[in-house]
């Protein structure tokens, strides 16, 4: 199966592309993201006036000089960003030939290198001084380039988080003077929206031009847009296209995604952090990533930009150095299109709880896998994505009522919201992934594409199954069956349609009892906790 490659758009001279390994379709997705959450210390002494946003309807004729005028007016506020960072151990292994031409995947990211040098240290065996005394080798350095745009006269610049993450040095080049570099520092960064606010330490004597903000919520498929940036180090390159789609889900990490603007305007590595402009020359997005095929890092007509409204709302927190969000410690999925009545729902609304973090806010509040959250803090939950938005916008420490359906019975629980730590969450997800491939005696989960086996004491210990829990071990999943992508080898089926199962035979019997075309509600043990999934029987 081929992989889709999301290419984040910063361009190292040793090109560093981060590729989330999302196995979905026939194209590979090349990405440009990097993120570290040790943000700059908060500063209450400085404030940032919210840039005004023009929400007037986009109207007027398109003429022969429309795009020329936009480029002439807006190029001066776009900057080129050069960064240096310490080379990571795996990067060095690939650089000196140890990686066989490419780094091995590590969970979500794969690193690639190319382009022009960029190494800051001496090669092995170099002698730095005469007389045989070796000079200490400098640490090798990765160099990268990206884009950004000025939003205030005191030198505040918006860009992508992955452009400046891990940077030990940031230099900015302005449109009016591409020979002079100005030092900059990170003010605040946010991994979830891939946004960052940096500020010039050195400034030119002339006034700095400022970007104008448009309203990204007004954008619709077919609207004209312009991208300006630094693709492949070609400064202030202009390209034009249209909005191809809005609210495209773009996965950041397991269970978390952003809604993005999709465009066919040509953006490439190096465009990261640059503006996407509407027909009035107003910023409506920050260019972030492209989809490319496996043969090229370049543009094939599918690019993504973070909507500027999303980033604009975060600017006060970015100015203070840290974005704070809520978390309740659950994974949630959409209510099945068919079979929502089996949950006791009258329509396909709400969000199904897949798993509950041990010791988290949801577990303390009494939420369980398989619950359907229908209302949060007094507001109806139309779908999974809206629930996630509600939770992350809730101030940590707030106690909120959560209405759920469990076994078709409605009840209200109270949950005290925790603070989201995205880095810790990602580490926890990596720690709970299982690589087990057990092969005991098997039963077939008829119609679900599952092969089931018994849970022996040795397997129970290896899978950290709590004492007293019994079930059926998933030993194989048909890649073309209905359970593909939902269940995997090493899962332990604990119940089917709320009926506990103690063996492969019992689980197979319950799966057989599900009518063709109906939904099975399956509770499983995976990693170190319970997970709830729904699968439609063939």
Protein backbone atom coordinates (compact mmCIF):
# COMPACT_ATOMS: atom_id res chain seq x y z
CA UNK A 1 0.00 0.00 0.00
CA UNK A 2 1.42 3.39 -0.95
CA UNK A 3 1.58 6.33 1.43
CA UNK A 4 0.42 9.90 1.05
CA UNK A 5 3.31 12.31 1.65
CA UNK A 6 2.58 15.66 3.35
CA UNK A 7 5.49 18.00 2.68
CA UNK A 8 5.95 20.83 5.13
CA UNK A 9 7.32 23.75 3.30
CA UNK A 10 10.51 24.99 4.97
CA UNK A 11 13.62 24.35 2.89
CA UNK A 12 16.92 23.37 4.51
CA UNK A 13 20.05 23.70 2.46
CA UNK A 14 20.30 20.23 3.90
CA UNK A 15 16.62 19.86 3.08
CA UNK A 16 14.74 18.65 6.18
CA UNK A 17 11.25 17.38 5.42
CA UNK A 18 9.01 15.90 8.10
CA UNK A 19 6.58 13.34 6.73
CA UNK A 20 3.68 12.14 8.89
CA UNK A 21 3.34 8.50 7.79
CA UNK A 22 -0.38 8.44 7.11
CA UNK A 23 -1.30 5.36 5.10
CA UNK A 24 -4.42 6.39 3.21
CA UNK A 25 -4.14 6.55 -0.56
CA UNK A 26 -1.94 6.19 -3.54
CA UNK A 27 0.03 9.38 -3.22
CA UNK A 28 2.74 10.09 -0.68
CA UNK A 29 2.39 13.29 1.37
CA UNK A 30 5.49 15.43 2.04
CA UNK A 31 5.28 17.73 5.09
CA UNK A 32 7.01 20.66 6.73
CA UNK A 33 6.43 20.52 10.50
CA UNK A 34 8.53 20.60 13.55
CA UNK A 35 7.42 21.61 16.98
CA UNK A 36 8.74 22.03 20.47
CA UNK A 37 6.59 23.23 23.31
CA UNK A 38 9.22 24.86 25.53
CA UNK A 39 7.89 28.28 24.61
CA UNK A 40 9.49 31.61 25.49
CA UNK A 41 8.68 32.93 28.94
CA UNK A 42 5.52 34.96 29.23
CA UNK A 43 5.82 38.74 29.26
CA UNK A 44 2.96 40.77 30.64
CA UNK A 45 4.84 44.02 30.00
CA UNK A 46 4.24 43.91 26.26
CA UNK A 47 0.89 43.65 24.54
CA UNK A 48 -0.14 43.16 20.94
CA UNK A 49 -3.02 45.11 19.47
CA UNK A 50 -5.24 42.71 17.54
CA UNK A 51 -4.72 43.40 13.82
CA UNK A 52 -7.96 44.64 12.25
CA UNK A 53 -9.78 42.16 10.03
CA UNK A 54 -11.67 43.20 6.89
CA UNK A 55 -14.87 41.17 6.69
CA UNK A 56 -16.43 43.10 3.82
CA UNK A 57 -17.63 40.88 0.95
CA UNK A 58 -15.09 40.21 -1.78
CA UNK A 59 -16.43 42.00 -4.85
CA UNK A 60 -15.17 43.82 -7.90
CA UNK A 61 -13.79 43.00 -11.35
CA UNK A 62 -10.63 41.06 -12.10
CA UNK A 63 -8.46 43.09 -14.49
CA UNK A 64 -5.18 42.61 -16.31
CA UNK A 65 -3.22 44.38 -13.60
CA UNK A 66 -5.04 43.04 -10.51
CA UNK A 67 -2.36 40.55 -9.51
CA UNK A 68 0.45 42.92 -10.47
CA UNK A 69 -0.97 45.52 -8.11
CA UNK A 70 -1.38 43.02 -5.27
CA UNK A 71 2.21 41.83 -5.65
CA UNK A 72 3.58 45.37 -5.79
CA UNK A 73 1.66 46.42 -2.67
CA UNK A 74 2.18 43.30 -0.53
CA UNK A 75 5.66 41.97 -1.38
CA UNK A 76 7.35 44.46 0.98
CA UNK A 77 5.71 42.94 4.10
CA UNK A 78 6.89 39.40 3.21
CA UNK A 79 10.23 38.30 4.67
CA UNK A 80 12.64 35.45 4.06
CA UNK A 81 13.75 33.51 7.14
CA UNK A 82 17.03 31.62 7.52
CA UNK A 83 17.55 29.36 10.52
CA UNK A 84 20.30 27.24 12.01
CA UNK A 85 19.79 24.30 14.34
CA UNK A 86 21.89 21.53 15.80
CA UNK A 87 21.93 18.44 13.63
CA UNK A 88 20.23 15.47 15.26
CA UNK A 89 22.01 12.14 15.65
CA UNK A 90 19.89 10.40 13.00
CA UNK A 91 20.45 13.32 10.63
CA UNK A 92 24.21 12.93 10.98
CA UNK A 93 24.03 9.21 10.40
CA UNK A 94 22.25 9.82 7.10
CA UNK A 95 24.57 12.71 6.19
CA UNK A 96 27.72 10.59 6.52
CA UNK A 97 26.26 7.54 4.80
CA UNK A 98 25.15 5.50 7.80
CA UNK A 99 21.49 5.72 6.87
CA UNK A 100 21.81 4.13 3.46
CA UNK A 101 20.52 7.25 1.73
CA UNK A 102 17.49 7.85 3.93
CA UNK A 103 16.49 7.80 7.57
CA UNK A 104 14.32 5.03 8.92
CA UNK A 105 10.81 6.08 9.98
CA UNK A 106 10.43 6.88 13.68
CA UNK A 107 6.75 6.71 14.54
CA UNK A 108 5.38 9.75 12.68
CA UNK A 109 8.38 11.39 11.06
CA UNK A 110 10.90 10.49 8.39
CA UNK A 111 13.86 12.78 7.67
CA UNK A 112 15.27 13.47 4.22
CA UNK A 113 18.35 15.39 3.17
CA UNK A 114 19.54 17.02 -0.03
CA UNK A 115 20.54 20.35 -1.53
CA UNK A 116 23.66 22.32 -0.79
CA UNK A 117 25.88 21.33 2.12
CA UNK A 118 24.93 23.26 5.17
CA UNK A 119 27.15 21.38 7.58
CA UNK A 120 28.87 23.64 10.07
CA UNK A 121 31.54 21.26 11.33
CA UNK A 122 34.73 19.77 9.94
CA UNK A 123 34.83 16.39 8.30
CA UNK A 124 36.31 13.36 10.03
CA UNK A 125 40.10 13.52 10.11
CA UNK A 126 40.42 17.26 9.44
CA UNK A 127 43.31 18.88 11.27
CA UNK A 128 42.45 22.36 12.49
CA UNK A 129 45.97 23.44 13.55
CA UNK A 130 49.60 22.95 12.56
CA UNK A 131 51.90 20.81 14.66
CA UNK A 132 49.47 17.92 14.96
CA UNK A 133 47.24 19.55 17.58
CA UNK A 134 43.67 18.90 16.59
CA UNK A 135 41.14 21.64 17.04
CA UNK A 136 37.88 20.56 18.63
CA UNK A 137 35.31 19.94 15.90
CA UNK A 138 32.34 22.26 15.83
CA UNK A 139 28.93 20.68 16.11
CA UNK A 140 27.39 20.09 12.67
CA UNK A 141 24.55 22.49 11.92
CA UNK A 142 21.39 22.16 9.85
CA UNK A 143 20.39 25.25 7.88
CA UNK A 144 16.88 25.86 6.60
CA UNK A 145 14.90 28.59 4.90
CA UNK A 146 11.28 29.66 5.16
CA UNK A 147 9.01 32.66 4.87
CA UNK A 148 7.01 35.01 7.08
CA UNK A 149 5.17 38.34 7.07
CA UNK A 150 5.36 41.47 9.20
CA UNK A 151 2.30 42.28 11.30
CA UNK A 152 3.51 45.27 13.36
CA UNK A 153 5.87 48.20 13.02
CA UNK A 154 7.90 47.04 16.01
CA UNK A 155 9.05 44.00 14.03
CA UNK A 156 6.62 41.21 14.95
CA UNK A 157 6.48 38.53 12.25
CA UNK A 158 4.14 35.58 11.79
CA UNK A 159 5.49 32.32 10.38
CA UNK A 160 5.10 28.56 10.82
CA UNK A 161 6.16 26.83 14.02
CA UNK A 162 8.13 24.27 12.04
CA UNK A 163 10.20 27.04 10.42
CA UNK A 164 11.69 28.19 13.74
CA UNK A 165 11.37 25.12 15.96
CA UNK A 166 14.71 24.07 17.44
CA UNK A 167 16.40 27.07 15.81
CA UNK A 168 19.56 28.27 17.54
CA UNK A 169 19.81 31.25 15.19
CA UNK A 170 17.17 33.12 13.18
CA UNK A 171 18.03 35.65 10.48
CA UNK A 172 15.46 37.67 8.53
CA UNK A 173 15.88 39.27 5.11
CA UNK A 174 13.56 42.10 4.09
CA UNK A 175 12.17 42.83 0.64
CA UNK A 176 13.81 46.25 0.35
CA UNK A 177 17.25 44.95 1.30
CA UNK A 178 18.01 41.33 0.44
CA UNK A 179 21.70 41.76 1.29
CA UNK A 180 21.27 42.69 4.97
CA UNK A 181 20.19 40.14 7.57
CA UNK A 182 18.40 41.08 10.78
CA UNK A 183 18.49 38.87 13.86
CA UNK A 184 15.19 37.69 15.32
CA UNK A 185 13.98 35.80 18.38
CA UNK A 186 11.00 33.54 19.05
CA UNK A 187 8.22 35.14 21.08
CA UNK A 188 5.68 32.32 21.06
CA UNK A 189 4.93 29.11 19.19
CA UNK A 190 2.00 26.74 18.83
CA UNK A 191 2.46 23.22 17.48
CA UNK A 192 -1.25 22.49 17.04
CA UNK A 193 -1.80 25.29 14.50
CA UNK A 194 1.83 25.26 13.29
CA UNK A 195 2.09 29.00 13.97
CA UNK A 196 4.84 31.08 15.51
CA UNK A 197 5.42 34.72 16.38
CA UNK A 198 8.98 36.02 16.11
CA UNK A 199 10.38 39.54 16.57
CA UNK A 200 13.26 41.41 14.97
CA UNK A 201 16.06 42.19 17.41
CA UNK A 202 17.75 44.47 14.88
CA UNK A 203 15.55 46.75 12.78
CA UNK A 204 16.12 48.91 9.72
CA UNK A 205 15.96 52.68 10.01
CA UNK A 206 13.00 52.86 7.63
CA UNK A 207 9.41 52.05 8.80
CA UNK A 208 8.34 48.45 8.45
CA UNK A 209 5.33 47.64 6.22
CA UNK A 210 2.48 45.72 7.87
CA UNK A 211 0.24 42.96 6.55
CA UNK A 212 -3.49 43.52 6.26
CA UNK A 213 -5.78 40.75 7.55
CA UNK A 214 -8.76 39.43 5.62
CA UNK A 215 -11.51 37.12 6.84
CA UNK A 216 -10.62 33.50 6.07
CA UNK A 217 -14.16 32.36 6.95
CA UNK A 218 -15.39 34.18 3.82
CA UNK A 219 -13.22 32.17 1.46
CA UNK A 220 -14.98 29.64 -0.78
CA UNK A 221 -13.88 27.20 -3.50
CA UNK A 222 -13.09 29.15 -6.68
CA UNK A 223 -11.93 32.37 -4.97
CA UNK A 224 -8.70 33.79 -6.37
CA UNK A 225 -5.64 33.78 -4.08
CA UNK A 226 -1.96 34.70 -4.30
CA UNK A 227 1.00 33.15 -2.45
CA UNK A 228 4.24 35.04 -1.81
CA UNK A 229 7.28 33.35 -0.31
CA UNK A 230 10.75 31.93 -0.60
CA UNK A 231 10.43 28.59 -2.44
CA UNK A 232 13.75 26.81 -2.92
CA UNK A 233 15.44 30.03 -1.70
CA UNK A 234 14.02 32.03 -4.64
CA UNK A 235 13.16 35.18 -2.72
CA UNK A 236 9.73 36.83 -3.00
CA UNK A 237 8.27 34.45 -5.54
CA UNK A 238 4.65 35.17 -6.49
CA UNK A 239 2.17 32.51 -7.58
CA UNK A 240 -1.57 32.64 -8.22
CA UNK A 241 -4.39 30.11 -7.97
CA UNK A 242 -7.76 29.55 -6.35
CA UNK A 243 -9.14 28.16 -3.13
CA UNK A 244 -9.74 24.49 -3.93
CA UNK A 245 -11.55 23.62 -0.69
CA UNK A 246 -12.09 24.89 2.84
CA UNK A 247 -12.13 23.10 6.21
CA UNK A 248 -9.87 20.33 4.96
CA UNK A 249 -8.90 18.15 7.97
CA UNK A 250 -5.12 17.99 8.30
CA UNK A 251 -3.77 15.54 10.86
CA UNK A 252 -1.25 16.93 13.34
CA UNK A 253 -1.03 13.87 15.57
CA UNK A 254 -3.24 10.93 16.56
CA UNK A 255 -6.73 12.22 17.22
CA UNK A 256 -5.87 15.89 16.55
CA UNK A 257 -6.24 17.76 13.29
CA UNK A 258 -6.68 21.29 11.97
CA UNK A 259 -9.11 22.59 9.40
CA UNK A 260 -7.08 24.03 6.52
CA UNK A 261 -7.59 26.03 3.36
CA UNK A 262 -6.66 24.01 0.28
CA UNK A 263 -5.26 25.84 -2.74
CA UNK A 264 -3.77 25.10 -6.15
CA UNK A 265 -1.56 28.20 -6.03
CA UNK A 266 1.99 26.92 -6.49
CA UNK A 267 3.68 26.63 -3.09
CA UNK A 268 6.83 24.65 -2.50
CA UNK A 269 9.45 23.93 0.18
CA UNK A 270 10.54 27.35 1.41
CA UNK A 271 7.03 28.85 1.16
CA UNK A 272 6.34 27.75 4.74
CA UNK A 273 5.16 30.63 6.87
CA UNK A 274 4.45 32.92 3.92
CA UNK A 275 1.08 34.57 3.34
CA UNK A 276 -1.83 33.41 1.23
CA UNK A 277 -3.66 36.56 0.07
CA UNK A 278 -7.17 37.26 -1.16
CA UNK A 279 -8.02 39.41 -4.18
CA UNK A 280 -7.72 42.55 -2.03
CA UNK A 281 -4.18 41.65 -0.97
CA UNK A 282 -5.22 40.71 2.57
CA UNK A 283 -3.74 37.71 4.39
CA UNK A 284 -6.27 34.90 4.69
CA UNK A 285 -3.87 32.04 5.42
CA UNK A 286 -0.32 30.94 6.32
CA UNK A 287 1.12 28.52 3.75
CA UNK A 288 2.15 25.33 5.51
CA UNK A 289 2.20 22.09 3.50
CA UNK A 290 1.70 20.43 0.14
CA UNK A 291 0.82 16.99 -1.12
CA UNK A 292 3.40 15.62 -3.51
CA UNK A 293 3.88 12.32 -5.24
CA UNK A 294 6.70 9.94 -4.37
CA UNK A 295 8.89 11.21 -7.22
CA UNK A 296 9.03 14.90 -6.36
CA UNK A 297 9.20 17.28 -3.43
CA UNK A 298 7.58 19.99 -5.54
CA UNK A 299 4.06 21.25 -6.07
CA UNK A 300 1.46 19.16 -7.88
CA UNK A 301 -1.43 21.52 -7.23
CA UNK A 302 -2.54 20.59 -3.71
CA UNK A 303 -1.36 22.92 -0.98
CA UNK A 304 -2.61 23.80 2.50
CA UNK A 305 -2.69 27.01 4.51
CA UNK A 306 -3.68 27.62 8.13
CA UNK A 307 -6.73 29.96 8.10
CA UNK A 308 -5.66 33.38 9.37
CA UNK A 309 -8.74 33.64 11.62
CA UNK A 310 -7.43 30.65 13.59
CA UNK A 311 -4.03 32.28 14.13
CA UNK A 312 -5.42 35.77 14.73
CA UNK A 313 -7.47 34.47 17.67
CA UNK A 314 -4.27 33.05 19.18
CA UNK A 315 -2.12 36.18 18.75
CA UNK A 316 -2.59 37.50 22.32
CA UNK A 317 -1.44 34.14 23.73
CA UNK A 318 1.42 33.86 21.25
CA UNK A 319 2.50 37.34 22.33
CA UNK A 320 2.55 36.15 25.93
CA UNK A 321 4.68 33.15 24.94
CA UNK A 322 2.32 30.22 25.36
CA UNK A 323 -1.02 28.97 24.07
CA UNK A 324 -3.12 27.31 26.78
CA UNK A 325 -5.84 24.80 25.87
CA UNK A 326 -8.17 22.44 27.66
CA UNK A 327 -8.14 18.65 27.63
CA UNK A 328 -10.38 16.01 29.20
CA UNK A 329 -8.38 12.90 28.27
CA UNK A 330 -10.53 11.01 25.76
CA UNK A 331 -10.28 9.95 22.15
CA UNK A 332 -13.52 10.40 20.26
CA UNK A 333 -14.85 9.33 16.89
CA UNK A 334 -17.82 10.14 14.70
CA UNK A 335 -21.16 8.48 15.37
CA UNK A 336 -21.61 5.73 12.72
CA UNK A 337 -23.64 6.78 9.71
CA UNK A 338 -25.66 3.59 10.00
CA UNK A 339 -26.67 2.18 13.36
CA UNK A 340 -26.75 5.39 15.40
CA UNK A 341 -30.12 4.22 16.73
CA UNK A 342 -28.27 1.38 18.46
CA UNK A 343 -26.77 3.98 20.80
CA UNK A 344 -30.20 5.40 21.65
CA UNK A 345 -29.72 8.44 19.40
CA UNK A 346 -32.55 9.99 17.35
CA UNK A 347 -30.13 11.52 14.83
CA UNK A 348 -26.46 11.22 13.90
CA UNK A 349 -25.14 13.75 16.39
CA UNK A 350 -22.65 13.58 19.24
CA UNK A 351 -19.24 11.96 19.57
CA UNK A 352 -18.42 8.37 20.54
CA UNK A 353 -15.78 7.94 23.25
CA UNK A 354 -13.13 5.52 22.01
CA UNK A 355 -10.73 5.50 24.95
CA UNK A 356 -10.31 7.23 28.29
CA UNK A 357 -6.95 8.27 29.69
CA UNK A 358 -6.19 6.71 33.04
CA UNK A 359 -6.15 9.36 35.74
CA UNK A 360 -7.40 12.04 33.35
CA UNK A 361 -10.28 14.45 33.76
CA UNK A 362 -12.81 12.28 31.92
CA UNK A 363 -12.03 9.16 33.95
CA UNK A 364 -12.28 11.12 37.19
CA UNK A 365 -15.63 12.45 36.00
CA UNK A 366 -16.97 8.96 35.23
CA UNK A 367 -16.83 8.90 31.42
CA UNK A 368 -16.29 5.41 29.93
CA UNK A 369 -15.37 4.02 26.49
CA UNK A 370 -18.53 3.57 24.43
CA UNK A 371 -20.31 6.59 25.92
CA UNK A 372 -21.77 9.04 23.43
CA UNK A 373 -21.18 12.68 24.43
CA UNK A 374 -24.27 14.62 23.31
CA UNK A 375 -23.83 17.87 25.23
CA UNK A 376 -20.80 19.74 26.60
CA UNK A 377 -21.04 22.64 29.03
CA UNK A 378 -24.67 23.22 28.12
CA UNK A 379 -24.08 23.17 24.35
CA UNK A 380 -25.25 20.39 22.01
CA UNK A 381 -22.44 18.41 20.38
CA UNK A 382 -23.18 18.16 16.66
CA UNK A 383 -20.13 16.02 15.84
CA UNK A 384 -16.69 14.89 16.95
CA UNK A 385 -14.77 17.88 15.54
CA UNK A 386 -17.02 20.43 17.25
CA UNK A 387 -16.57 18.64 20.59
CA UNK A 388 -12.78 18.85 20.24
CA UNK A 389 -13.06 22.60 19.54
CA UNK A 390 -15.27 23.06 22.61
CA UNK A 391 -12.86 21.22 24.88
CA UNK A 392 -9.63 22.89 23.76
CA UNK A 393 -11.23 26.34 24.09
CA UNK A 394 -12.24 25.64 27.72
CA UNK A 395 -10.05 27.19 30.39
CA UNK A 396 -8.17 24.49 32.37
CA UNK A 397 -9.57 24.07 35.86
CA UNK A 398 -13.15 24.74 34.76
CA UNK A 399 -15.80 22.23 35.89
CA UNK A 400 -18.24 21.54 33.06
CA UNK A 401 -21.39 19.37 32.83
CA UNK A 402 -21.13 16.66 30.17
CA UNK A 403 -24.29 14.89 29.02
CA UNK A 404 -23.79 11.32 27.76
CA UNK A 405 -25.74 8.31 26.52
CA UNK A 406 -24.70 4.98 28.02
CA UNK A 407 -26.64 1.82 27.25
CA UNK A 408 -29.26 4.14 25.71
CA UNK A 409 -29.69 5.89 29.06
CA UNK A 410 -28.99 9.61 29.40
CA UNK A 411 -26.97 10.93 32.32
CA UNK A 412 -25.05 14.07 33.21
CA UNK A 413 -21.50 13.94 34.57
CA UNK A 414 -19.21 16.74 35.73
CA UNK A 415 -15.64 17.00 34.47
CA UNK A 416 -12.88 19.36 35.63
CA UNK A 417 -10.86 20.25 32.52
CA UNK A 418 -7.10 19.59 32.47
CA UNK A 419 -4.47 21.56 30.52
CA UNK A 420 -3.35 20.14 27.18
CA UNK A 421 0.33 19.26 26.88
CA UNK A 422 0.66 18.19 23.26
CA UNK A 423 4.25 16.97 23.59
CA UNK A 424 3.41 14.73 26.55
CA UNK A 425 0.32 13.46 24.73
CA UNK A 426 2.38 12.48 21.69
CA UNK A 427 4.94 10.71 23.85
CA UNK A 428 2.17 8.77 25.59
CA UNK A 429 0.72 7.68 22.24
CA UNK A 430 4.11 6.39 21.09
CA UNK A 431 4.60 4.52 24.37
CA UNK A 432 1.30 2.66 24.08
CA UNK A 433 1.77 1.37 20.53
CA UNK A 434 1.99 -2.41 20.48
CA UNK A 435 4.22 -4.45 18.19
CA UNK A 436 2.98 -7.86 19.31
CA UNK A 437 2.33 -10.58 16.74
CA UNK A 438 0.87 -13.51 18.69
CA UNK A 439 -0.18 -16.71 16.93
CA UNK A 440 -2.32 -18.99 19.18
CA UNK A 441 -5.22 -21.20 18.05
CA UNK A 442 -7.79 -19.21 16.10
CA UNK A 443 -11.49 -18.59 15.45
CA UNK A 444 -12.98 -16.48 12.68
CA UNK A 445 -14.96 -13.34 13.46
CA UNK A 446 -17.48 -13.96 10.71
CA UNK A 447 -18.22 -10.95 8.53
CA UNK A 448 -15.72 -8.69 10.32
CA UNK A 449 -12.46 -9.86 8.76
CA UNK A 450 -11.00 -10.90 12.11
CA UNK A 451 -9.05 -13.92 13.25
CA UNK A 452 -9.39 -14.51 17.00
CA UNK A 453 -7.36 -16.53 19.48
CA UNK A 454 -7.30 -17.31 23.16
CA UNK A 455 -5.60 -15.08 25.72
CA UNK A 456 -3.04 -17.25 27.46
CA UNK A 457 -1.46 -16.18 30.78
CA UNK A 458 1.78 -15.37 28.96
CA UNK A 459 -0.05 -13.22 26.40
CA UNK A 460 -2.01 -11.49 29.15
CA UNK A 461 1.24 -10.54 30.89
CA UNK A 462 2.81 -9.35 27.65
CA UNK A 463 -0.23 -7.21 26.80
CA UNK A 464 -0.47 -5.93 30.41
CA UNK A 465 -4.07 -7.15 30.64
CA UNK A 466 -5.34 -6.39 34.17
CA UNK A 467 -6.05 -9.31 36.46
CA UNK A 468 -9.63 -10.47 36.13
CA UNK A 469 -10.13 -9.24 32.57
CA UNK A 470 -10.81 -11.86 29.92
CA UNK A 471 -11.46 -11.69 26.22
CA UNK A 472 -10.49 -12.84 22.75
CA UNK A 473 -7.16 -11.98 21.18
CA UNK A 474 -7.14 -10.47 17.67
CA UNK A 475 -4.40 -12.39 15.87
CA UNK A 476 -5.01 -11.10 12.35
CA UNK A 477 -7.06 -8.46 10.55
CA UNK A 478 -8.03 -8.81 6.89
CA UNK A 479 -6.57 -5.68 5.21
CA UNK A 480 -9.59 -5.61 2.87
CA UNK A 481 -12.14 -6.35 5.59
CA UNK A 482 -14.38 -3.96 7.53
CA UNK A 483 -12.16 -4.01 10.63
CA UNK A 484 -9.04 -2.83 8.77
CA UNK A 485 -7.71 0.35 10.33
CA UNK A 486 -9.98 -0.03 13.35
CA UNK A 487 -8.67 -3.19 15.01
CA UNK A 488 -5.20 -4.70 14.84
CA UNK A 489 -3.28 -7.78 15.89
CA UNK A 490 -2.66 -7.68 19.63
CA UNK A 491 -6.03 -6.13 20.53
CA UNK A 492 -8.10 -8.05 23.08
CA UNK A 493 -11.87 -8.04 22.47
CA UNK A 494 -13.55 -7.56 25.86
CA UNK A 495 -17.18 -7.19 24.78
CA UNK A 496 -19.35 -7.15 21.67
CA UNK A 497 -22.51 -5.04 21.73
CA UNK A 498 -22.10 -4.63 25.49
CA UNK A 499 -21.92 -8.41 26.07
CA UNK A 500 -18.66 -9.47 27.78
CA UNK A 501 -16.73 -12.27 26.08
CA UNK A 502 -14.27 -14.57 27.84
CA UNK A 503 -12.83 -16.51 24.88
CA UNK A 504 -12.37 -16.58 21.14
CA UNK A 505 -15.37 -18.91 20.85
CA UNK A 506 -17.66 -16.51 22.73
CA UNK A 507 -16.46 -13.53 20.73
CA UNK A 508 -16.96 -15.38 17.44
CA UNK A 509 -20.49 -16.29 18.53
CA UNK A 510 -21.37 -12.67 19.31
CA UNK A 511 -19.90 -11.48 16.01
CA UNK A 512 -21.94 -14.12 14.17
CA UNK A 513 -25.10 -12.85 15.90
CA UNK A 514 -24.71 -9.38 14.39
CA UNK A 515 -26.91 -8.95 11.34
CA UNK A 516 -25.35 -8.27 7.97
CA UNK A 517 -25.00 -4.53 7.43
CA UNK A 518 -25.40 -3.82 11.14
CA UNK A 519 -22.91 -2.14 13.50
CA UNK A 520 -21.01 -4.01 16.20
CA UNK A 521 -19.99 -1.97 19.26
CA UNK A 522 -16.66 -3.48 20.30
CA UNK A 523 -14.75 -2.79 23.51
CA UNK A 524 -11.09 -3.80 23.30
CA UNK A 525 -7.95 -3.68 25.40
CA UNK A 526 -5.04 -1.99 23.63
CA UNK A 527 -1.71 -0.84 25.04
CA UNK A 528 -2.60 0.08 28.60
CA UNK A 529 -6.28 0.93 28.40
CA UNK A 530 -9.73 0.24 26.98
CA UNK A 531 -10.70 1.44 23.51
CA UNK A 532 -14.21 1.50 21.99
CA UNK A 533 -14.74 1.07 18.24
CA UNK A 534 -17.70 0.44 15.95
CA UNK A 535 -17.46 -1.81 12.89
CA UNK A 536 -20.09 -2.49 10.24
CA UNK A 537 -20.54 -6.17 9.36
CA UNK A 538 -20.23 -7.12 5.71
